[in-house]
Amino acid sequence: MAAETLKYLLKGAFAADWGWKALGPILRAPGVIVLMYHRVIGSDEPFVGVPVSQFLAQMSWLREHCEPIGPAALIERSKQGRTKRPAALVTFDDGYRDYHDLAYPILKSLGIPALVFLTTSLMDEGGMLWTDELQWAVLASKAQRVSCPWDGGTVVSILDESSRRSWGQIARRHLKGLADGERQEALARMLSELGRPPALERQMLSWDEVRATCDLTVFGGHTHTHPNLSRVDRSRAESEIRTCRERILSETGSAPSYFAYPNGQPQDFTAETQTILRENGFTLAFSTIEGIAGADGDWMAVKRLPGNASTIAQFAWTAAGLKRET
């Protein structure tokens, strides 16, 4: 109990100006704070994300207590030791439309640059990420029971929103572990069983929206169709990476140098993946492995910190690179 009380007080102190300046240089890990977001959401959203009011509070705190940077400064700034105003880089994965509608106006008002990783087929063709497509199908389906292929086809009830969200999360985790061809087949079977509810309105950025935010945003690659790169062969991985880079260059006039791995855990990319990225002009690649981007880090597997803290105290604690609750 005493340890929990001390941790609670430390979190509160970190969120305060005096605490961040006094305790940060002592306790905070040296290096750049690289924050990772996916969705910034308004009200009545079916998907999980950071509420826009929460994002505004986080970015206001970041502007006051840190030094926001662009990705070009990442390596050099990582060499600095602990400072009262550490460097921070804000990143977004996938390329959701809410970046243009909700996040960018906040960043613009505060003068905070961002790095956004695009899944380019979704800019070209519309549609949803397969993970979102499955989650929406589970939430919107009229089915009340569904089978679990990871458990021998066991049939379970999905009678309320909580059970639907839970089943969807487990199903997505199962599919991420399959080879890409198997994943596509399994996804088609699941969607068919759920009745394929009508698609939602456009969820991803358009190329016009990408260009409209270029003054403050650097765009990086996130593959063309969002496969797990460790579960496709070399030819497919090369095509995904090369096509993604070419589409961003064609639409923005600037060839991307930065990349984020889909899923982004150690099992989701390989040394071969990193070689392909270098061969295609990418100089930095970002993972979802948690941690501060220090000078001794792997620049083809940059660590990041999730921006999903529910309070500013927890956000400051996370930004310090200190252990979060599980």
Protein backbone atom coordinates (compact mmCIF):
# COMPACT_ATOMS: atom_id res chain seq x y z
CA MET A 1 0.00 0.00 0.00
CA ALA A 2 2.83 2.39 0.85
CA ALA A 3 4.50 1.66 -2.50
CA GLU A 4 1.23 2.31 -4.37
CA THR A 5 0.73 5.58 -2.49
CA LEU A 6 4.28 6.70 -3.33
CA LYS A 7 3.76 5.85 -7.01
CA TYR A 8 0.48 7.78 -7.04
CA LEU A 9 2.18 10.84 -5.56
CA LEU A 10 5.11 10.56 -8.00
CA LYS A 11 2.73 10.48 -10.97
CA GLY A 12 1.00 13.59 -9.75
CA ALA A 13 4.35 15.30 -9.26
CA PHE A 14 5.50 14.38 -12.78
CA ALA A 15 2.42 16.01 -14.28
CA ALA A 16 3.17 19.28 -12.46
CA ASP A 17 5.63 21.76 -13.91
CA TRP A 18 7.87 21.77 -10.83
CA GLY A 19 7.90 17.95 -10.59
CA TRP A 20 8.72 17.39 -14.25
CA LYS A 21 11.62 19.84 -14.08
CA ALA A 22 12.93 18.64 -10.70
CA LEU A 23 12.34 14.88 -10.88
CA GLY A 24 12.56 14.35 -14.63
CA PRO A 25 16.32 14.85 -15.01
CA ILE A 26 16.82 12.34 -12.18
CA LEU A 27 14.28 9.61 -12.96
CA ARG A 28 13.40 10.01 -16.64
CA ALA A 29 15.18 7.81 -19.17
CA PRO A 30 17.49 9.80 -21.50
CA GLY A 31 16.53 10.03 -25.14
CA VAL A 32 13.57 11.13 -27.26
CA ILE A 33 9.96 10.52 -26.27
CA VAL A 34 8.31 9.01 -29.37
CA LEU A 35 4.56 8.92 -28.85
CA MET A 36 2.37 6.53 -30.83
CA TYR A 37 -1.27 7.12 -31.71
CA HIS A 38 -3.75 5.47 -34.03
CA ARG A 39 -7.21 7.03 -33.76
CA VAL A 40 -8.28 10.32 -32.18
CA ILE A 41 -12.01 9.97 -31.68
CA GLY A 42 -15.07 12.15 -31.17
CA SER A 43 -18.30 10.98 -29.54
CA ASP A 44 -20.25 7.83 -30.45
CA GLU A 45 -17.28 6.11 -32.10
CA PRO A 46 -17.46 2.31 -32.49
CA PHE A 47 -13.68 2.01 -32.38
CA VAL A 48 -11.18 2.46 -29.60
CA GLY A 49 -9.03 5.61 -29.67
CA VAL A 50 -7.94 8.66 -27.72
CA PRO A 51 -10.87 11.08 -27.14
CA VAL A 52 -10.23 14.43 -28.78
CA SER A 53 -10.50 16.30 -25.46
CA GLN A 54 -7.90 13.97 -23.97
CA PHE A 55 -5.62 14.44 -26.97
CA LEU A 56 -5.85 18.22 -26.62
CA ALA A 57 -4.90 17.99 -22.94
CA GLN A 58 -1.95 15.72 -23.77
CA MET A 59 -0.63 17.93 -26.55
CA SER A 60 -1.03 21.08 -24.42
CA TRP A 61 0.99 19.41 -21.65
CA LEU A 62 3.58 18.25 -24.19
CA ARG A 63 3.95 21.74 -25.67
CA GLU A 64 4.54 23.20 -22.20
CA HIS A 65 6.90 20.56 -20.78
CA CYS A 66 8.76 19.09 -23.78
CA GLU A 67 10.28 20.20 -27.07
CA PRO A 68 8.32 18.75 -30.00
CA ILE A 69 10.56 17.79 -32.93
CA GLY A 70 10.23 16.37 -36.43
CA PRO A 71 11.66 12.95 -37.35
CA ALA A 72 14.74 14.41 -39.07
CA ALA A 73 16.04 15.49 -35.65
CA LEU A 74 15.43 12.16 -33.91
CA ILE A 75 18.90 10.61 -34.07
CA GLU A 76 20.77 13.78 -33.12
CA ARG A 77 18.42 14.62 -30.26
CA SER A 78 18.61 11.07 -28.91
CA LYS A 79 22.24 11.76 -28.00
CA GLN A 80 21.28 14.39 -25.45
CA GLY A 81 21.17 13.37 -21.82
CA ARG A 82 18.39 14.09 -19.37
CA THR A 83 17.11 17.65 -19.71
CA LYS A 84 14.27 19.67 -18.23
CA ARG A 85 12.58 19.83 -21.65
CA PRO A 86 13.20 16.53 -23.45
CA ALA A 87 12.58 16.17 -27.17
CA ALA A 88 9.30 14.51 -28.19
CA LEU A 89 8.12 13.16 -31.54
CA VAL A 90 4.40 12.57 -32.16
CA THR A 91 3.53 9.70 -34.53
CA PHE A 92 0.32 8.18 -35.93
CA ASP A 93 -0.09 4.74 -37.51
CA ASP A 94 -2.38 3.67 -40.38
CA GLY A 95 -3.60 7.01 -41.76
CA TYR A 96 -7.05 7.48 -40.27
CA ARG A 97 -9.25 10.32 -41.48
CA ASP A 98 -9.52 11.66 -37.92
CA TYR A 99 -5.91 12.80 -38.18
CA HIS A 100 -7.07 15.47 -40.65
CA ASP A 101 -10.39 16.18 -38.95
CA LEU A 102 -9.47 16.16 -35.25
CA ALA A 103 -5.75 15.74 -34.49
CA TYR A 104 -4.17 18.06 -37.08
CA PRO A 105 -6.14 21.18 -36.04
CA ILE A 106 -4.92 20.71 -32.45
CA LEU A 107 -1.33 20.13 -33.54
CA LYS A 108 -1.52 23.15 -35.85
CA SER A 109 -2.78 25.43 -33.08
CA LEU A 110 0.07 24.34 -30.80
CA GLY A 111 2.79 24.22 -33.45
CA ILE A 112 3.55 20.53 -32.93
CA PRO A 113 4.83 18.59 -35.98
CA ALA A 114 3.81 14.98 -36.54
CA LEU A 115 4.87 11.87 -38.44
CA VAL A 116 2.00 9.87 -39.98
CA PHE A 117 2.46 6.39 -41.44
CA LEU A 118 0.15 5.58 -44.36
CA THR A 119 -1.33 2.30 -45.55
CA THR A 120 -1.49 3.54 -49.13
CA SER A 121 -4.01 1.14 -50.70
CA LEU A 122 -6.64 2.61 -48.38
CA MET A 123 -5.92 6.11 -49.68
CA ASP A 124 -6.18 4.78 -53.24
CA GLU A 125 -9.19 2.48 -53.00
CA GLY A 126 -11.06 3.38 -49.81
CA GLY A 127 -12.22 0.64 -47.50
CA MET A 128 -11.13 -0.23 -43.99
CA LEU A 129 -8.18 -1.94 -42.38
CA TRP A 130 -8.98 -5.63 -42.02
CA THR A 131 -8.76 -5.33 -38.22
CA ASP A 132 -11.38 -2.56 -38.25
CA GLU A 133 -13.51 -4.43 -40.79
CA LEU A 134 -13.68 -7.44 -38.47
CA GLN A 135 -14.32 -5.39 -35.34
CA TRP A 136 -17.12 -3.44 -37.02
CA ALA A 137 -18.66 -6.66 -38.34
CA VAL A 138 -18.70 -8.11 -34.81
CA LEU A 139 -20.27 -4.96 -33.32
CA ALA A 140 -22.87 -4.47 -36.06
CA SER A 141 -23.77 -8.11 -36.74
CA LYS A 142 -27.23 -9.43 -35.89
CA ALA A 143 -25.69 -12.80 -35.08
CA GLN A 144 -25.89 -13.81 -31.43
CA ARG A 145 -23.52 -16.76 -31.58
CA VAL A 146 -20.22 -17.20 -33.39
CA SER A 147 -17.63 -19.98 -33.72
CA CYS A 148 -14.02 -19.77 -32.51
CA PRO A 149 -11.67 -21.39 -35.05
CA TRP A 150 -8.76 -21.05 -32.61
CA ASP A 151 -10.64 -23.27 -30.15
CA GLY A 152 -11.74 -26.12 -32.36
CA GLY A 153 -14.79 -24.29 -33.65
CA THR A 154 -16.34 -23.82 -30.22
CA VAL A 155 -19.49 -21.68 -30.46
CA VAL A 156 -19.84 -18.76 -28.04
CA SER A 157 -22.54 -16.19 -27.36
CA ILE A 158 -22.07 -12.53 -28.30
CA LEU A 159 -25.20 -11.06 -26.79
CA ASP A 160 -23.96 -7.66 -25.64
CA GLU A 161 -21.38 -5.04 -26.63
CA SER A 162 -18.85 -6.19 -24.02
CA SER A 163 -18.83 -9.80 -25.26
CA ARG A 164 -18.69 -8.63 -28.88
CA ARG A 165 -15.70 -6.37 -28.24
CA SER A 166 -13.94 -9.13 -26.31
CA TRP A 167 -14.53 -11.74 -29.04
CA GLY A 168 -13.40 -9.28 -31.71
CA GLN A 169 -10.17 -8.60 -29.86
CA ILE A 170 -9.42 -12.31 -29.48
CA ALA A 171 -10.29 -12.96 -33.14
CA ARG A 172 -7.96 -10.21 -34.36
CA ARG A 173 -5.15 -11.55 -32.20
CA HIS A 174 -5.67 -15.02 -33.67
CA LEU A 175 -5.66 -13.76 -37.25
CA LYS A 176 -2.48 -11.73 -36.75
CA GLY A 177 -0.63 -14.97 -35.99
CA LEU A 178 -1.53 -16.61 -39.31
CA ALA A 179 0.34 -16.54 -42.60
CA ASP A 180 -1.13 -13.83 -44.80
CA GLY A 181 -3.02 -16.17 -47.16
CA GLU A 182 -4.49 -18.11 -44.25
CA ARG A 183 -5.46 -14.84 -42.55
CA GLN A 184 -7.37 -13.64 -45.61
CA GLU A 185 -9.26 -16.93 -45.90
CA ALA A 186 -10.08 -17.03 -42.18
CA LEU A 187 -11.20 -13.40 -42.24
CA ALA A 188 -13.54 -14.06 -45.17
CA ARG A 189 -15.13 -16.99 -43.28
CA MET A 190 -15.60 -14.88 -40.14
CA LEU A 191 -17.14 -11.98 -42.05
CA SER A 192 -19.50 -14.36 -43.83
CA GLU A 193 -20.57 -15.91 -40.53
CA LEU A 194 -21.22 -12.42 -39.12
CA GLY A 195 -23.39 -11.51 -42.10
CA ARG A 196 -21.13 -8.78 -43.51
CA PRO A 197 -22.92 -5.70 -42.08
CA PRO A 198 -22.92 -2.57 -44.29
CA ALA A 199 -19.58 -0.76 -44.33
CA LEU A 200 -19.06 2.45 -42.41
CA GLU A 201 -18.43 5.78 -44.09
CA ARG A 202 -14.85 6.55 -45.14
CA GLN A 203 -12.45 5.93 -42.26
CA MET A 204 -9.07 6.68 -43.84
CA LEU A 205 -7.40 9.82 -45.15
CA SER A 206 -7.85 10.83 -48.78
CA TRP A 207 -4.84 12.01 -50.74
CA ASP A 208 -6.32 15.53 -50.76
CA GLU A 209 -6.41 15.44 -46.95
CA VAL A 210 -2.84 14.17 -46.88
CA ARG A 211 -1.70 17.10 -49.01
CA ALA A 212 -3.73 19.56 -46.92
CA THR A 213 -1.73 18.68 -43.80
CA CYS A 214 1.75 18.56 -45.35
CA ASP A 215 2.79 21.89 -43.84
CA LEU A 216 3.09 20.31 -40.40
CA THR A 217 3.16 16.60 -41.21
CA VAL A 218 5.81 14.22 -42.49
CA PHE A 219 4.31 11.12 -44.11
CA GLY A 220 5.93 7.72 -43.82
CA GLY A 221 5.20 4.23 -45.10
CA HIS A 222 3.12 1.53 -43.39
CA THR A 223 2.99 -0.92 -46.35
CA HIS A 224 0.47 -0.82 -49.18
CA THR A 225 -2.17 -3.28 -47.85
CA HIS A 226 -1.10 -3.75 -44.19
CA PRO A 227 0.10 -7.39 -44.06
CA ASN A 228 2.32 -8.66 -41.27
CA LEU A 229 5.69 -8.48 -43.05
CA SER A 230 7.20 -11.44 -41.22
CA ARG A 231 4.41 -13.66 -42.57
CA VAL A 232 4.82 -12.97 -46.28
CA ASP A 233 7.62 -14.01 -48.62
CA ARG A 234 10.39 -11.65 -49.72
CA SER A 235 8.78 -10.82 -53.05
CA ARG A 236 5.53 -9.75 -51.38
CA ALA A 237 7.37 -7.77 -48.70
CA GLU A 238 9.38 -5.93 -51.38
CA SER A 239 6.20 -5.14 -53.32
CA GLU A 240 4.38 -3.84 -50.22
CA ILE A 241 7.27 -1.58 -49.23
CA ARG A 242 8.15 -0.37 -52.71
CA THR A 243 4.54 0.32 -53.76
CA CYS A 244 3.86 2.21 -50.56
CA ARG A 245 6.90 4.43 -51.08
CA GLU A 246 6.09 5.07 -54.74
CA ARG A 247 2.48 6.04 -53.99
CA ILE A 248 3.50 8.55 -51.30
CA LEU A 249 6.12 10.05 -53.61
CA SER A 250 3.63 10.30 -56.46
CA GLU A 251 0.91 11.96 -54.36
CA THR A 252 3.00 14.28 -52.17
CA GLY A 253 6.11 14.90 -54.28
CA SER A 254 8.30 13.73 -51.41
CA ALA A 255 9.77 10.24 -51.09
CA PRO A 256 9.28 8.89 -47.55
CA SER A 257 12.34 8.02 -45.46
CA TYR A 258 10.44 6.67 -42.45
CA PHE A 259 8.45 3.47 -41.98
CA ALA A 260 6.34 1.80 -39.28
CA TYR A 261 5.87 -1.98 -39.17
CA PRO A 262 2.27 -3.24 -39.09
CA ASN A 263 1.70 -4.63 -35.60
CA GLY A 264 5.33 -3.76 -34.86
CA GLN A 265 6.36 -6.32 -32.24
CA PRO A 266 9.70 -8.20 -32.53
CA GLN A 267 8.02 -11.20 -34.19
CA ASP A 268 6.46 -8.95 -36.85
CA PHE A 269 9.62 -7.99 -38.75
CA THR A 270 12.96 -9.61 -39.51
CA ALA A 271 16.51 -8.70 -40.49
CA GLU A 272 15.43 -9.35 -44.08
CA THR A 273 12.56 -6.87 -43.67
CA GLN A 274 15.02 -4.25 -42.47
CA THR A 275 17.32 -4.93 -45.42
CA ILE A 276 14.44 -4.45 -47.87
CA LEU A 277 13.55 -1.15 -46.20
CA ARG A 278 17.12 0.14 -46.53
CA GLU A 279 17.26 -0.97 -50.18
CA ASN A 280 14.12 1.10 -50.81
CA GLY A 281 15.42 4.28 -49.23
CA PHE A 282 14.01 4.06 -45.72
CA THR A 283 16.44 5.27 -43.04
CA LEU A 284 14.32 4.87 -39.90
CA ALA A 285 11.75 2.21 -39.05
CA PHE A 286 9.43 2.36 -36.05
CA SER A 287 8.19 -0.53 -33.94
CA THR A 288 5.50 -0.76 -31.27
CA ILE A 289 8.04 -1.97 -28.72
CA GLU A 290 7.67 0.27 -25.70
CA GLY A 291 10.51 2.46 -24.55
CA ILE A 292 12.42 5.71 -24.99
CA ALA A 293 14.37 6.20 -28.25
CA GLY A 294 17.88 6.39 -26.81
CA ALA A 295 21.17 6.90 -28.60
CA ASP A 296 22.02 3.20 -28.29
CA GLY A 297 18.76 2.07 -29.89
CA ASP A 298 18.19 0.22 -33.15
CA TRP A 299 17.20 2.83 -35.75
CA MET A 300 15.44 0.16 -37.78
CA ALA A 301 13.29 -0.75 -34.76
CA VAL A 302 12.70 2.56 -32.98
CA LYS A 303 10.88 2.21 -29.66
CA ARG A 304 7.73 4.21 -28.97
CA LEU A 305 5.35 4.96 -26.11
CA PRO A 306 1.54 4.64 -26.41
CA GLY A 307 -0.44 7.86 -26.08
CA ASN A 308 -3.52 6.18 -24.58
CA ALA A 309 -3.10 7.34 -20.97
CA SER A 310 -6.44 8.33 -19.43
CA THR A 311 -5.02 11.07 -17.18
CA ILE A 312 -2.30 13.69 -17.54
CA ALA A 313 -0.51 12.19 -14.53
CA GLN A 314 -0.37 8.81 -16.28
CA PHE A 315 0.60 10.49 -19.56
CA ALA A 316 3.57 12.24 -17.89
CA TRP A 317 4.57 8.99 -16.19
CA THR A 318 4.50 7.16 -19.54
CA ALA A 319 6.40 9.98 -21.28
CA ALA A 320 9.13 9.60 -18.67
CA GLY A 321 9.63 6.02 -19.84
CA LEU A 322 8.60 4.64 -16.46
CA LYS A 323 6.81 1.32 -16.13
CA ARG A 324 3.07 1.38 -16.71
CA GLU A 325 0.49 -0.82 -15.03
CA THR A 326 -0.47 -3.89 -17.03
